[in-house]
């Protein structure tokens, strides 16, 4: 009995030591609001939505100091729908799940499910942050599916103005290394009021016979009274837009917008134009307006409205819909208002 007690105390001491050496934090975001959509293949709908300005989530982040500026890091982040309580993305940690090593002043190497470099590029350029509210650039811009599975990513985290990352997602198909494969890269310069980015993504379909390529360049300039946003994107082949794979794509896209802060508020406005050069000729134009009001550092109220004018017929694959942070949307017009809280 005495030996067992000593062993138990020793195990407890070791566990406590491990916990003390690893800094693990719990974080999250809860977001809900009212959404009204119309102009699609079905009747208009008004609903209580989750993750409109940003997807609701619960995450765990850990860092262990290994000495010499080297650290082990991990992120496990699950999405959920606050309106129903069900999990999102169809997986336990569907938002992010990776582990890696970080060298201070040099960079990170991360392995697991991660954001695509192209999504990070769009997120930096779009006034609505890539996938936020009715004005989401994701309604019409490709983002490489937002996340990549089975991915090795190398990202620079130096203190200088250059930012960069390269990612490779294994297709893991026996006998065909190109099937289901994803590759991406981002290069940027961020200094003072200037933030310029270039992002690229390439993906292969399940049989490895078709691929899609998307490239985007653009940036922002902060004039203090307002921030200007400008981006241009080119897409070719099988690309994913708003969660939908679209084959035989050949487009040139433009997004222009502004963020105007005043007091505890921020006004967001953007215009996105899609020039479809394929035989389908499915041009589209989106105009979006949004506003957020900070109640505190962690809580804000928001509202947004957007309209897409599609040349493609309702219900076709090139009929783009107005979604938000967690939904593809059902029509070409939408309004949403809600509350977001971070913890």
C-alpha atoms as a PDB file:
ATOM      1  CA  UNK A   1       0.000   0.000   0.000  1.00  0.00           C
ATOM      2  CA  UNK A   2       2.835   2.333   0.896  1.00  0.00           C
ATOM      3  CA  UNK A   3       4.654   1.594  -2.379  1.00  0.00           C
ATOM      4  CA  UNK A   4       1.492   2.223  -4.403  1.00  0.00           C
ATOM      5  CA  UNK A   5       0.964   5.540  -2.654  1.00  0.00           C
ATOM      6  CA  UNK A   6       4.539   6.607  -3.387  1.00  0.00           C
ATOM      7  CA  UNK A   7       4.140   5.670  -7.062  1.00  0.00           C
ATOM      8  CA  UNK A   8       0.909   7.651  -7.264  1.00  0.00           C
ATOM      9  CA  UNK A   9       2.535  10.709  -5.688  1.00  0.00           C
ATOM     10  CA  UNK A  10       5.476  10.419  -8.089  1.00  0.00           C
ATOM     11  CA  UNK A  11       3.177  10.251 -11.121  1.00  0.00           C
ATOM     12  CA  UNK A  12       1.257  13.269  -9.885  1.00  0.00           C
ATOM     13  CA  UNK A  13       4.480  15.226  -9.473  1.00  0.00           C
ATOM     14  CA  UNK A  14       5.590  14.380 -13.031  1.00  0.00           C
ATOM     15  CA  UNK A  15       2.190  15.335 -14.468  1.00  0.00           C
ATOM     16  CA  UNK A  16       2.236  18.615 -12.583  1.00  0.00           C
ATOM     17  CA  UNK A  17       5.729  19.349 -13.857  1.00  0.00           C
ATOM     18  CA  UNK A  18       4.639  18.704 -17.470  1.00  0.00           C
ATOM     19  CA  UNK A  19       1.634  20.963 -17.090  1.00  0.00           C
ATOM     20  CA  UNK A  20       3.767  23.708 -15.583  1.00  0.00           C
ATOM     21  CA  UNK A  21       6.162  23.607 -18.534  1.00  0.00           C
ATOM     22  CA  UNK A  22       3.428  23.767 -21.171  1.00  0.00           C
ATOM     23  CA  UNK A  23       1.263  26.857 -21.492  1.00  0.00           C
ATOM     24  CA  UNK A  24      -2.192  25.715 -22.639  1.00  0.00           C
ATOM     25  CA  UNK A  25      -4.990  28.236 -23.175  1.00  0.00           C
ATOM     26  CA  UNK A  26      -8.675  27.826 -23.964  1.00  0.00           C
ATOM     27  CA  UNK A  27     -10.287  30.351 -26.274  1.00  0.00           C
ATOM     28  CA  UNK A  28     -13.415  30.701 -28.333  1.00  0.00           C
ATOM     29  CA  UNK A  29     -15.992  32.776 -30.108  1.00  0.00           C
ATOM     30  CA  UNK A  30     -19.782  32.708 -30.060  1.00  0.00           C
ATOM     31  CA  UNK A  31     -21.754  34.470 -32.789  1.00  0.00           C
ATOM     32  CA  UNK A  32     -25.471  34.484 -33.567  1.00  0.00           C
ATOM     33  CA  UNK A  33     -27.912  36.692 -35.432  1.00  0.00           C
ATOM     34  CA  UNK A  34     -30.929  37.050 -37.680  1.00  0.00           C
ATOM     35  CA  UNK A  35     -30.518  36.310 -41.395  1.00  0.00           C
ATOM     36  CA  UNK A  36     -32.947  37.156 -44.189  1.00  0.00           C
ATOM     37  CA  UNK A  37     -32.274  35.770 -47.684  1.00  0.00           C
ATOM     38  CA  UNK A  38     -34.190  35.963 -50.961  1.00  0.00           C
ATOM     39  CA  UNK A  39     -33.746  35.868 -54.723  1.00  0.00           C
ATOM     40  CA  UNK A  40     -32.740  32.231 -55.090  1.00  0.00           C
ATOM     41  CA  UNK A  41     -34.249  29.025 -56.423  1.00  0.00           C
ATOM     42  CA  UNK A  42     -36.453  28.727 -53.322  1.00  0.00           C
ATOM     43  CA  UNK A  43     -38.707  31.126 -51.441  1.00  0.00           C
ATOM     44  CA  UNK A  44     -37.238  33.808 -49.187  1.00  0.00           C
ATOM     45  CA  UNK A  45     -36.263  32.706 -45.694  1.00  0.00           C
ATOM     46  CA  UNK A  46     -35.676  34.370 -42.331  1.00  0.00           C
ATOM     47  CA  UNK A  47     -33.742  32.392 -39.741  1.00  0.00           C
ATOM     48  CA  UNK A  48     -31.572  32.471 -36.645  1.00  0.00           C
ATOM     49  CA  UNK A  49     -28.044  31.816 -37.846  1.00  0.00           C
ATOM     50  CA  UNK A  50     -24.755  30.922 -36.165  1.00  0.00           C
ATOM     51  CA  UNK A  51     -21.326  32.235 -37.051  1.00  0.00           C
ATOM     52  CA  UNK A  52     -22.464  35.067 -39.307  1.00  0.00           C
ATOM     53  CA  UNK A  53     -19.602  37.513 -38.708  1.00  0.00           C
ATOM     54  CA  UNK A  54     -17.237  34.710 -37.671  1.00  0.00           C
ATOM     55  CA  UNK A  55     -17.734  30.994 -37.163  1.00  0.00           C
ATOM     56  CA  UNK A  56     -18.559  30.021 -33.581  1.00  0.00           C
ATOM     57  CA  UNK A  57     -15.707  27.956 -32.138  1.00  0.00           C
ATOM     58  CA  UNK A  58     -13.949  26.472 -29.127  1.00  0.00           C
ATOM     59  CA  UNK A  59     -10.197  26.069 -29.260  1.00  0.00           C
ATOM     60  CA  UNK A  60      -7.165  24.873 -27.349  1.00  0.00           C
ATOM     61  CA  UNK A  61      -3.744  26.397 -27.972  1.00  0.00           C
ATOM     62  CA  UNK A  62      -0.517  25.167 -26.415  1.00  0.00           C
ATOM     63  CA  UNK A  63       3.150  26.195 -26.351  1.00  0.00           C
ATOM     64  CA  UNK A  64       6.045  24.400 -24.666  1.00  0.00           C
ATOM     65  CA  UNK A  65       9.422  26.123 -24.398  1.00  0.00           C
ATOM     66  CA  UNK A  66      12.102  23.676 -25.539  1.00  0.00           C
ATOM     67  CA  UNK A  67      15.001  26.087 -24.980  1.00  0.00           C
ATOM     68  CA  UNK A  68      17.212  27.992 -27.375  1.00  0.00           C
ATOM     69  CA  UNK A  69      14.234  29.855 -28.830  1.00  0.00           C
ATOM     70  CA  UNK A  70      12.585  26.614 -29.955  1.00  0.00           C
ATOM     71  CA  UNK A  71       9.022  25.761 -28.907  1.00  0.00           C
ATOM     72  CA  UNK A  72       6.484  23.026 -29.549  1.00  0.00           C
ATOM     73  CA  UNK A  73       3.057  24.386 -30.502  1.00  0.00           C
ATOM     74  CA  UNK A  74      -0.391  23.014 -31.247  1.00  0.00           C
ATOM     75  CA  UNK A  75      -3.925  24.182 -32.015  1.00  0.00           C
ATOM     76  CA  UNK A  76      -7.113  22.132 -31.743  1.00  0.00           C
ATOM     77  CA  UNK A  77     -10.180  24.139 -32.802  1.00  0.00           C
ATOM     78  CA  UNK A  78     -13.730  22.865 -33.178  1.00  0.00           C
ATOM     79  CA  UNK A  79     -16.615  24.666 -34.831  1.00  0.00           C
ATOM     80  CA  UNK A  80     -20.221  24.526 -33.685  1.00  0.00           C
ATOM     81  CA  UNK A  81     -23.594  26.028 -34.530  1.00  0.00           C
ATOM     82  CA  UNK A  82     -24.889  28.011 -31.589  1.00  0.00           C
ATOM     83  CA  UNK A  83     -28.479  27.908 -32.899  1.00  0.00           C
ATOM     84  CA  UNK A  84     -28.674  24.096 -32.706  1.00  0.00           C
ATOM     85  CA  UNK A  85     -25.633  23.064 -30.682  1.00  0.00           C
ATOM     86  CA  UNK A  86     -24.371  20.653 -33.362  1.00  0.00           C
ATOM     87  CA  UNK A  87     -20.741  20.526 -34.435  1.00  0.00           C
ATOM     88  CA  UNK A  88     -19.584  22.259 -37.591  1.00  0.00           C
ATOM     89  CA  UNK A  89     -17.352  21.261 -40.538  1.00  0.00           C
ATOM     90  CA  UNK A  90     -18.360  17.603 -40.051  1.00  0.00           C
ATOM     91  CA  UNK A  91     -15.432  16.818 -37.728  1.00  0.00           C
ATOM     92  CA  UNK A  92     -14.500  17.129 -34.062  1.00  0.00           C
ATOM     93  CA  UNK A  93     -11.736  19.665 -34.744  1.00  0.00           C
ATOM     94  CA  UNK A  94     -12.932  20.727 -38.170  1.00  0.00           C
ATOM     95  CA  UNK A  95     -11.646  24.294 -38.027  1.00  0.00           C
ATOM     96  CA  UNK A  96      -7.993  23.603 -37.192  1.00  0.00           C
ATOM     97  CA  UNK A  97      -5.997  20.648 -35.908  1.00  0.00           C
ATOM     98  CA  UNK A  98      -2.213  20.845 -36.089  1.00  0.00           C
ATOM     99  CA  UNK A  99       1.026  20.390 -34.155  1.00  0.00           C
ATOM    100  CA  UNK A 100       4.418  21.835 -34.944  1.00  0.00           C
ATOM    101  CA  UNK A 101       7.665  23.514 -33.968  1.00  0.00           C
ATOM    102  CA  UNK A 102       8.408  27.230 -33.805  1.00  0.00           C
ATOM    103  CA  UNK A 103      11.803  28.882 -33.844  1.00  0.00           C
ATOM    104  CA  UNK A 104      11.677  32.440 -32.501  1.00  0.00           C
ATOM    105  CA  UNK A 105      12.480  35.022 -35.146  1.00  0.00           C
ATOM    106  CA  UNK A 106      12.553  32.412 -37.915  1.00  0.00           C
ATOM    107  CA  UNK A 107       9.314  30.519 -38.513  1.00  0.00           C
ATOM    108  CA  UNK A 108       6.891  27.677 -37.857  1.00  0.00           C
ATOM    109  CA  UNK A 109       6.577  24.161 -39.228  1.00  0.00           C
ATOM    110  CA  UNK A 110       3.017  22.872 -38.731  1.00  0.00           C
ATOM    111  CA  UNK A 111       1.421  19.511 -39.552  1.00  0.00           C
ATOM    112  CA  UNK A 112      -2.331  18.887 -39.771  1.00  0.00           C
ATOM    113  CA  UNK A 113      -5.533  20.602 -40.901  1.00  0.00           C
ATOM    114  CA  UNK A 114      -4.851  24.292 -41.585  1.00  0.00           C
ATOM    115  CA  UNK A 115      -6.009  27.407 -43.438  1.00  0.00           C
ATOM    116  CA  UNK A 116      -4.896  27.690 -47.056  1.00  0.00           C
ATOM    117  CA  UNK A 117      -2.408  30.457 -47.882  1.00  0.00           C
ATOM    118  CA  UNK A 118      -4.930  31.750 -50.442  1.00  0.00           C
ATOM    119  CA  UNK A 119      -7.601  32.114 -47.748  1.00  0.00           C
ATOM    120  CA  UNK A 120      -5.123  34.039 -45.591  1.00  0.00           C
ATOM    121  CA  UNK A 121      -4.458  36.295 -48.591  1.00  0.00           C
ATOM    122  CA  UNK A 122      -8.151  37.002 -49.256  1.00  0.00           C
ATOM    123  CA  UNK A 123      -8.706  37.480 -45.525  1.00  0.00           C
ATOM    124  CA  UNK A 124      -6.057  40.227 -45.462  1.00  0.00           C
ATOM    125  CA  UNK A 125      -7.429  42.044 -48.533  1.00  0.00           C
ATOM    126  CA  UNK A 126     -11.235  41.781 -48.230  1.00  0.00           C
ATOM    127  CA  UNK A 127     -12.850  44.505 -46.045  1.00  0.00           C
ATOM    128  CA  UNK A 128     -15.189  41.802 -44.688  1.00  0.00           C
ATOM    129  CA  UNK A 129     -12.291  39.497 -43.828  1.00  0.00           C
ATOM    130  CA  UNK A 130     -12.761  36.816 -46.456  1.00  0.00           C
ATOM    131  CA  UNK A 131     -15.664  34.991 -44.797  1.00  0.00           C
ATOM    132  CA  UNK A 132     -17.673  37.428 -42.712  1.00  0.00           C
ATOM    133  CA  UNK A 133     -21.267  38.690 -42.858  1.00  0.00           C
ATOM    134  CA  UNK A 134     -23.303  39.101 -46.030  1.00  0.00           C
ATOM    135  CA  UNK A 135     -20.472  41.002 -47.714  1.00  0.00           C
ATOM    136  CA  UNK A 136     -18.073  38.055 -47.549  1.00  0.00           C
ATOM    137  CA  UNK A 137     -15.593  37.980 -50.419  1.00  0.00           C
ATOM    138  CA  UNK A 138     -15.980  34.206 -50.256  1.00  0.00           C
ATOM    139  CA  UNK A 139     -19.322  34.627 -52.030  1.00  0.00           C
ATOM    140  CA  UNK A 140     -17.464  35.086 -55.316  1.00  0.00           C
ATOM    141  CA  UNK A 141     -13.712  34.701 -54.725  1.00  0.00           C
ATOM    142  CA  UNK A 142     -11.874  31.374 -54.595  1.00  0.00           C
ATOM    143  CA  UNK A 143     -10.072  30.558 -51.347  1.00  0.00           C
ATOM    144  CA  UNK A 144      -8.821  27.047 -52.038  1.00  0.00           C
ATOM    145  CA  UNK A 145     -11.563  25.507 -49.934  1.00  0.00           C
ATOM    146  CA  UNK A 146     -10.503  27.684 -46.934  1.00  0.00           C
ATOM    147  CA  UNK A 147      -8.749  24.730 -45.202  1.00  0.00           C
ATOM    148  CA  UNK A 148      -6.399  21.931 -46.271  1.00  0.00           C
ATOM    149  CA  UNK A 149      -6.199  18.438 -44.769  1.00  0.00           C
ATOM    150  CA  UNK A 150      -3.024  16.343 -44.337  1.00  0.00           C
ATOM    151  CA  UNK A 151      -0.957  19.502 -44.671  1.00  0.00           C
ATOM    152  CA  UNK A 152       2.629  20.459 -43.961  1.00  0.00           C
ATOM    153  CA  UNK A 153       2.978  24.224 -43.747  1.00  0.00           C
ATOM    154  CA  UNK A 154       6.104  26.330 -43.281  1.00  0.00           C
ATOM    155  CA  UNK A 155       5.463  29.949 -42.255  1.00  0.00           C
ATOM    156  CA  UNK A 156       7.901  32.770 -41.607  1.00  0.00           C
ATOM    157  CA  UNK A 157       7.351  34.622 -38.336  1.00  0.00           C
ATOM    158  CA  UNK A 158      10.299  36.991 -38.283  1.00  0.00           C
ATOM    159  CA  UNK A 159      10.098  40.525 -36.941  1.00  0.00           C
ATOM    160  CA  UNK A 160      10.727  42.102 -40.356  1.00  0.00           C
ATOM    161  CA  UNK A 161       8.139  43.351 -42.858  1.00  0.00           C
ATOM    162  CA  UNK A 162       8.068  40.180 -44.973  1.00  0.00           C
ATOM    163  CA  UNK A 163       5.425  37.508 -44.325  1.00  0.00           C
ATOM    164  CA  UNK A 164       5.401  34.180 -46.140  1.00  0.00           C
ATOM    165  CA  UNK A 165       4.034  30.652 -45.983  1.00  0.00           C
ATOM    166  CA  UNK A 166       4.148  27.532 -48.136  1.00  0.00           C
ATOM    167  CA  UNK A 167       1.753  24.584 -47.727  1.00  0.00           C
ATOM    168  CA  UNK A 168       1.491  21.091 -49.206  1.00  0.00           C
ATOM    169  CA  UNK A 169      -1.535  18.873 -48.605  1.00  0.00           C
ATOM    170  CA  UNK A 170      -1.017  15.165 -49.320  1.00  0.00           C
ATOM    171  CA  UNK A 171      -3.731  13.543 -51.417  1.00  0.00           C
ATOM    172  CA  UNK A 172      -3.012  10.177 -49.767  1.00  0.00           C
ATOM    173  CA  UNK A 173      -4.373   8.200 -52.751  1.00  0.00           C
ATOM    174  CA  UNK A 174      -2.556   4.854 -53.235  1.00  0.00           C
ATOM    175  CA  UNK A 175      -0.806   4.706 -56.601  1.00  0.00           C
ATOM    176  CA  UNK A 176      -1.507   8.345 -57.504  1.00  0.00           C
ATOM    177  CA  UNK A 177       0.306  11.014 -55.495  1.00  0.00           C
ATOM    178  CA  UNK A 178      -1.378  13.873 -57.402  1.00  0.00           C
ATOM    179  CA  UNK A 179      -5.009  12.872 -56.727  1.00  0.00           C
ATOM    180  CA  UNK A 180      -6.685  15.057 -54.064  1.00  0.00           C
ATOM    181  CA  UNK A 181      -3.432  16.962 -53.616  1.00  0.00           C
ATOM    182  CA  UNK A 182      -3.396  20.653 -52.566  1.00  0.00           C
ATOM    183  CA  UNK A 183      -0.558  23.162 -52.742  1.00  0.00           C
ATOM    184  CA  UNK A 184      -0.434  26.813 -51.779  1.00  0.00           C
ATOM    185  CA  UNK A 185       1.824  29.759 -51.045  1.00  0.00           C
ATOM    186  CA  UNK A 186       1.595  33.322 -49.815  1.00  0.00           C
ATOM    187  CA  UNK A 187       4.119  36.149 -49.878  1.00  0.00           C
ATOM    188  CA  UNK A 188       3.507  39.543 -48.352  1.00  0.00           C
ATOM    189  CA  UNK A 189       5.009  42.817 -47.195  1.00  0.00           C
ATOM    190  CA  UNK A 190       3.543  44.539 -44.151  1.00  0.00           C
ATOM    191  CA  UNK A 191       4.995  47.762 -42.794  1.00  0.00           C
ATOM    192  CA  UNK A 192       3.283  50.820 -41.376  1.00  0.00           C
ATOM    193  CA  UNK A 193       0.121  51.601 -43.331  1.00  0.00           C
ATOM    194  CA  UNK A 194       1.022  49.213 -46.189  1.00  0.00           C
ATOM    195  CA  UNK A 195      -0.016  45.550 -46.380  1.00  0.00           C
ATOM    196  CA  UNK A 196       0.548  43.863 -49.768  1.00  0.00           C
ATOM    197  CA  UNK A 197      -0.099  40.144 -50.417  1.00  0.00           C
ATOM    198  CA  UNK A 198       0.219  37.566 -53.175  1.00  0.00           C
ATOM    199  CA  UNK A 199      -1.482  34.195 -52.719  1.00  0.00           C
ATOM    200  CA  UNK A 200      -1.654  31.034 -54.814  1.00  0.00           C
ATOM    201  CA  UNK A 201      -3.520  27.730 -54.589  1.00  0.00           C
ATOM    202  CA  UNK A 202      -3.558  24.614 -56.731  1.00  0.00           C
ATOM    203  CA  UNK A 203      -5.744  21.567 -56.166  1.00  0.00           C
ATOM    204  CA  UNK A 204      -6.347  18.245 -57.908  1.00  0.00           C
ATOM    205  CA  UNK A 205      -9.608  16.322 -58.030  1.00  0.00           C
ATOM    206  CA  UNK A 206     -10.110  12.780 -56.781  1.00  0.00           C
ATOM    207  CA  UNK A 207      -8.930  11.010 -59.950  1.00  0.00           C
ATOM    208  CA  UNK A 208      -5.980  13.337 -60.548  1.00  0.00           C
ATOM    209  CA  UNK A 209      -7.100  14.212 -64.086  1.00  0.00           C
ATOM    210  CA  UNK A 210      -8.229  17.798 -63.473  1.00  0.00           C
ATOM    211  CA  UNK A 211      -6.772  20.594 -61.418  1.00  0.00           C
ATOM    212  CA  UNK A 212      -7.621  24.135 -60.425  1.00  0.00           C
ATOM    213  CA  UNK A 213      -5.381  27.149 -60.014  1.00  0.00           C
ATOM    214  CA  UNK A 214      -6.121  30.433 -58.305  1.00  0.00           C
ATOM    215  CA  UNK A 215      -3.840  33.426 -57.792  1.00  0.00           C
ATOM    216  CA  UNK A 216      -4.552  36.710 -56.055  1.00  0.00           C
ATOM    217  CA  UNK A 217      -2.607  39.919 -55.583  1.00  0.00           C
ATOM    218  CA  UNK A 218      -3.654  43.002 -53.678  1.00  0.00           C
ATOM    219  CA  UNK A 219      -3.438  44.785 -50.391  1.00  0.00           C
ATOM    220  CA  UNK A 220      -4.562  47.584 -48.137  1.00  0.00           C
ATOM    221  CA  UNK A 221      -3.374  51.078 -47.279  1.00  0.00           C
ATOM    222  CA  UNK A 222      -4.389  52.667 -43.990  1.00  0.00           C
ATOM    223  CA  UNK A 223      -4.987  56.399 -44.301  1.00  0.00           C
ATOM    224  CA  UNK A 224      -6.100  56.473 -40.610  1.00  0.00           C
ATOM    225  CA  UNK A 225      -9.431  58.096 -41.511  1.00  0.00           C
ATOM    226  CA  UNK A 226     -10.104  55.109 -43.788  1.00  0.00           C
ATOM    227  CA  UNK A 227      -8.405  51.965 -45.020  1.00  0.00           C
ATOM    228  CA  UNK A 228      -8.444  51.277 -48.770  1.00  0.00           C
ATOM    229  CA  UNK A 229      -8.695  47.692 -50.070  1.00  0.00           C
ATOM    230  CA  UNK A 230      -7.875  46.444 -53.568  1.00  0.00           C
ATOM    231  CA  UNK A 231      -7.400  42.926 -54.922  1.00  0.00           C
ATOM    232  CA  UNK A 232      -7.332  41.049 -58.232  1.00  0.00           C
ATOM    233  CA  UNK A 233      -7.767  37.313 -58.681  1.00  0.00           C
ATOM    234  CA  UNK A 234      -7.440  34.870 -61.591  1.00  0.00           C
ATOM    235  CA  UNK A 235      -8.979  31.379 -61.563  1.00  0.00           C
ATOM    236  CA  UNK A 236      -8.550  28.486 -63.965  1.00  0.00           C
ATOM    237  CA  UNK A 237      -9.880  24.932 -64.020  1.00  0.00           C
ATOM    238  CA  UNK A 238     -11.607  23.211 -61.093  1.00  0.00           C
ATOM    239  CA  UNK A 239     -11.857  25.770 -58.271  1.00  0.00           C
ATOM    240  CA  UNK A 240     -13.891  26.011 -55.060  1.00  0.00           C
ATOM    241  CA  UNK A 241     -15.992  29.128 -54.485  1.00  0.00           C
ATOM    242  CA  UNK A 242     -18.217  29.464 -51.426  1.00  0.00           C
ATOM    243  CA  UNK A 243     -17.806  25.762 -50.709  1.00  0.00           C
ATOM    244  CA  UNK A 244     -18.899  24.707 -54.224  1.00  0.00           C
ATOM    245  CA  UNK A 245     -16.520  23.105 -56.763  1.00  0.00           C
ATOM    246  CA  UNK A 246     -16.879  24.751 -60.169  1.00  0.00           C
ATOM    247  CA  UNK A 247     -15.239  23.013 -63.152  1.00  0.00           C
ATOM    248  CA  UNK A 248     -13.976  24.640 -66.360  1.00  0.00           C
ATOM    249  CA  UNK A 249     -13.520  28.001 -64.638  1.00  0.00           C
ATOM    250  CA  UNK A 250     -11.755  30.873 -66.369  1.00  0.00           C
ATOM    251  CA  UNK A 251     -12.329  34.161 -64.530  1.00  0.00           C
ATOM    252  CA  UNK A 252     -10.688  37.460 -63.708  1.00  0.00           C
ATOM    253  CA  UNK A 253     -12.019  38.963 -60.493  1.00  0.00           C
ATOM    254  CA  UNK A 254     -11.722  42.374 -58.866  1.00  0.00           C
ATOM    255  CA  UNK A 255     -12.533  43.469 -55.319  1.00  0.00           C
ATOM    256  CA  UNK A 256     -12.355  47.063 -54.132  1.00  0.00           C
ATOM    257  CA  UNK A 257     -13.521  48.449 -50.826  1.00  0.00           C
ATOM    258  CA  UNK A 258     -12.934  50.514 -47.719  1.00  0.00           C
ATOM    259  CA  UNK A 259     -13.024  50.306 -43.936  1.00  0.00           C
ATOM    260  CA  UNK A 260     -13.991  53.550 -42.214  1.00  0.00           C
ATOM    261  CA  UNK A 261     -13.575  53.698 -38.411  1.00  0.00           C
ATOM    262  CA  UNK A 262     -15.490  56.283 -36.402  1.00  0.00           C
ATOM    263  CA  UNK A 263     -15.713  56.150 -32.638  1.00  0.00           C
ATOM    264  CA  UNK A 264     -16.617  52.625 -31.554  1.00  0.00           C
ATOM    265  CA  UNK A 265     -17.859  51.812 -35.070  1.00  0.00           C
ATOM    266  CA  UNK A 266     -16.428  50.525 -38.320  1.00  0.00           C
ATOM    267  CA  UNK A 267     -18.171  50.959 -41.670  1.00  0.00           C
ATOM    268  CA  UNK A 268     -17.373  48.335 -44.330  1.00  0.00           C
ATOM    269  CA  UNK A 269     -18.078  48.645 -48.028  1.00  0.00           C
ATOM    270  CA  UNK A 270     -16.965  46.514 -50.985  1.00  0.00           C
ATOM    271  CA  UNK A 271     -17.627  45.912 -54.656  1.00  0.00           C
ATOM    272  CA  UNK A 272     -16.649  42.619 -56.306  1.00  0.00           C
ATOM    273  CA  UNK A 273     -16.754  41.976 -60.058  1.00  0.00           C
ATOM    274  CA  UNK A 274     -16.364  38.572 -61.709  1.00  0.00           C
ATOM    275  CA  UNK A 275     -15.417  38.492 -65.400  1.00  0.00           C
ATOM    276  CA  UNK A 276     -16.188  34.947 -66.569  1.00  0.00           C
ATOM    277  CA  UNK A 277     -14.203  34.179 -69.718  1.00  0.00           C
ATOM    278  CA  UNK A 278     -15.401  30.590 -70.038  1.00  0.00           C
ATOM    279  CA  UNK A 279     -18.067  29.473 -72.497  1.00  0.00           C
ATOM    280  CA  UNK A 280     -20.649  29.756 -69.692  1.00  0.00           C
ATOM    281  CA  UNK A 281     -20.065  33.547 -69.503  1.00  0.00           C
ATOM    282  CA  UNK A 282     -21.396  33.727 -65.935  1.00  0.00           C
ATOM    283  CA  UNK A 283     -20.375  37.264 -65.010  1.00  0.00           C
ATOM    284  CA  UNK A 284     -21.449  38.550 -61.607  1.00  0.00           C
ATOM    285  CA  UNK A 285     -21.216  41.713 -59.491  1.00  0.00           C
ATOM    286  CA  UNK A 286     -21.595  42.071 -55.720  1.00  0.00           C
ATOM    287  CA  UNK A 287     -22.179  45.258 -53.731  1.00  0.00           C
ATOM    288  CA  UNK A 288     -21.948  44.977 -49.953  1.00  0.00           C
ATOM    289  CA  UNK A 289     -22.289  47.277 -46.946  1.00  0.00           C
ATOM    290  CA  UNK A 290     -21.693  46.467 -43.293  1.00  0.00           C
ATOM    291  CA  UNK A 291     -21.204  48.074 -39.898  1.00  0.00           C
ATOM    292  CA  UNK A 292     -19.908  46.865 -36.549  1.00  0.00           C
ATOM    293  CA  UNK A 293     -20.237  48.549 -33.162  1.00  0.00           C
ATOM    294  CA  UNK A 294     -17.849  47.620 -30.353  1.00  0.00           C
ATOM    295  CA  UNK A 295     -19.509  47.272 -26.976  1.00  0.00           C
ATOM    296  CA  UNK A 296     -16.174  46.190 -25.467  1.00  0.00           C
ATOM    297  CA  UNK A 297     -12.859  44.663 -26.549  1.00  0.00           C
ATOM    298  CA  UNK A 298     -14.563  41.270 -26.737  1.00  0.00           C
ATOM    299  CA  UNK A 299     -18.142  42.004 -27.811  1.00  0.00           C
ATOM    300  CA  UNK A 300     -19.568  43.757 -30.863  1.00  0.00           C
ATOM    301  CA  UNK A 301     -22.857  44.197 -32.681  1.00  0.00           C
ATOM    302  CA  UNK A 302     -22.949  44.026 -36.482  1.00  0.00           C
ATOM    303  CA  UNK A 303     -25.235  44.377 -39.476  1.00  0.00           C
ATOM    304  CA  UNK A 304     -24.642  43.858 -43.188  1.00  0.00           C
ATOM    305  CA  UNK A 305     -26.466  43.717 -46.493  1.00  0.00           C
ATOM    306  CA  UNK A 306     -25.320  42.471 -49.902  1.00  0.00           C
ATOM    307  CA  UNK A 307     -26.706  41.985 -53.404  1.00  0.00           C
ATOM    308  CA  UNK A 308     -25.233  39.926 -56.250  1.00  0.00           C
ATOM    309  CA  UNK A 309     -26.323  40.543 -59.829  1.00  0.00           C
ATOM    310  CA  UNK A 310     -25.780  37.268 -61.694  1.00  0.00           C
ATOM    311  CA  UNK A 311     -25.729  36.813 -65.459  1.00  0.00           C
ATOM    312  CA  UNK A 312     -26.067  33.046 -64.927  1.00  0.00           C
ATOM    313  CA  UNK A 313     -29.591  31.627 -64.373  1.00  0.00           C
ATOM    314  CA  UNK A 314     -30.950  30.914 -60.894  1.00  0.00           C
ATOM    315  CA  UNK A 315     -29.897  27.505 -59.603  1.00  0.00           C
ATOM    316  CA  UNK A 316     -26.979  27.014 -62.001  1.00  0.00           C
ATOM    317  CA  UNK A 317     -23.497  26.327 -60.646  1.00  0.00           C
ATOM    318  CA  UNK A 318     -22.384  29.847 -61.641  1.00  0.00           C
ATOM    319  CA  UNK A 319     -25.295  31.512 -59.853  1.00  0.00           C
ATOM    320  CA  UNK A 320     -23.440  33.010 -56.870  1.00  0.00           C
ATOM    321  CA  UNK A 321     -25.294  33.339 -53.570  1.00  0.00           C
ATOM    322  CA  UNK A 322     -24.932  35.746 -50.653  1.00  0.00           C
ATOM    323  CA  UNK A 323     -23.652  33.739 -47.695  1.00  0.00           C
ATOM    324  CA  UNK A 324     -21.873  34.669 -44.474  1.00  0.00           C
ATOM    325  CA  UNK A 325     -19.214  33.345 -42.115  1.00  0.00           C
ATOM    326  CA  UNK A 326     -20.789  29.886 -41.813  1.00  0.00           C
ATOM    327  CA  UNK A 327     -23.332  29.540 -44.640  1.00  0.00           C
ATOM    328  CA  UNK A 328     -23.363  29.476 -48.438  1.00  0.00           C
ATOM    329  CA  UNK A 329     -26.677  31.326 -48.499  1.00  0.00           C
ATOM    330  CA  UNK A 330     -29.697  30.568 -50.680  1.00  0.00           C
ATOM    331  CA  UNK A 331     -30.325  33.716 -52.731  1.00  0.00           C
ATOM    332  CA  UNK A 332     -28.683  36.666 -54.429  1.00  0.00           C
ATOM    333  CA  UNK A 333     -29.737  39.098 -51.649  1.00  0.00           C
ATOM    334  CA  UNK A 334     -29.241  38.901 -47.913  1.00  0.00           C
ATOM    335  CA  UNK A 335     -29.380  40.983 -44.744  1.00  0.00           C
ATOM    336  CA  UNK A 336     -28.024  39.966 -41.358  1.00  0.00           C
ATOM    337  CA  UNK A 337     -27.751  41.500 -37.907  1.00  0.00           C
ATOM    338  CA  UNK A 338     -26.209  39.895 -34.847  1.00  0.00           C
ATOM    339  CA  UNK A 339     -23.825  39.833 -31.895  1.00  0.00           C
ATOM    340  CA  UNK A 340     -20.338  38.364 -31.574  1.00  0.00           C
ATOM    341  CA  UNK A 341     -18.418  37.641 -28.358  1.00  0.00           C
ATOM    342  CA  UNK A 342     -14.834  36.428 -27.952  1.00  0.00           C
ATOM    343  CA  UNK A 343     -13.453  34.691 -24.886  1.00  0.00           C
END
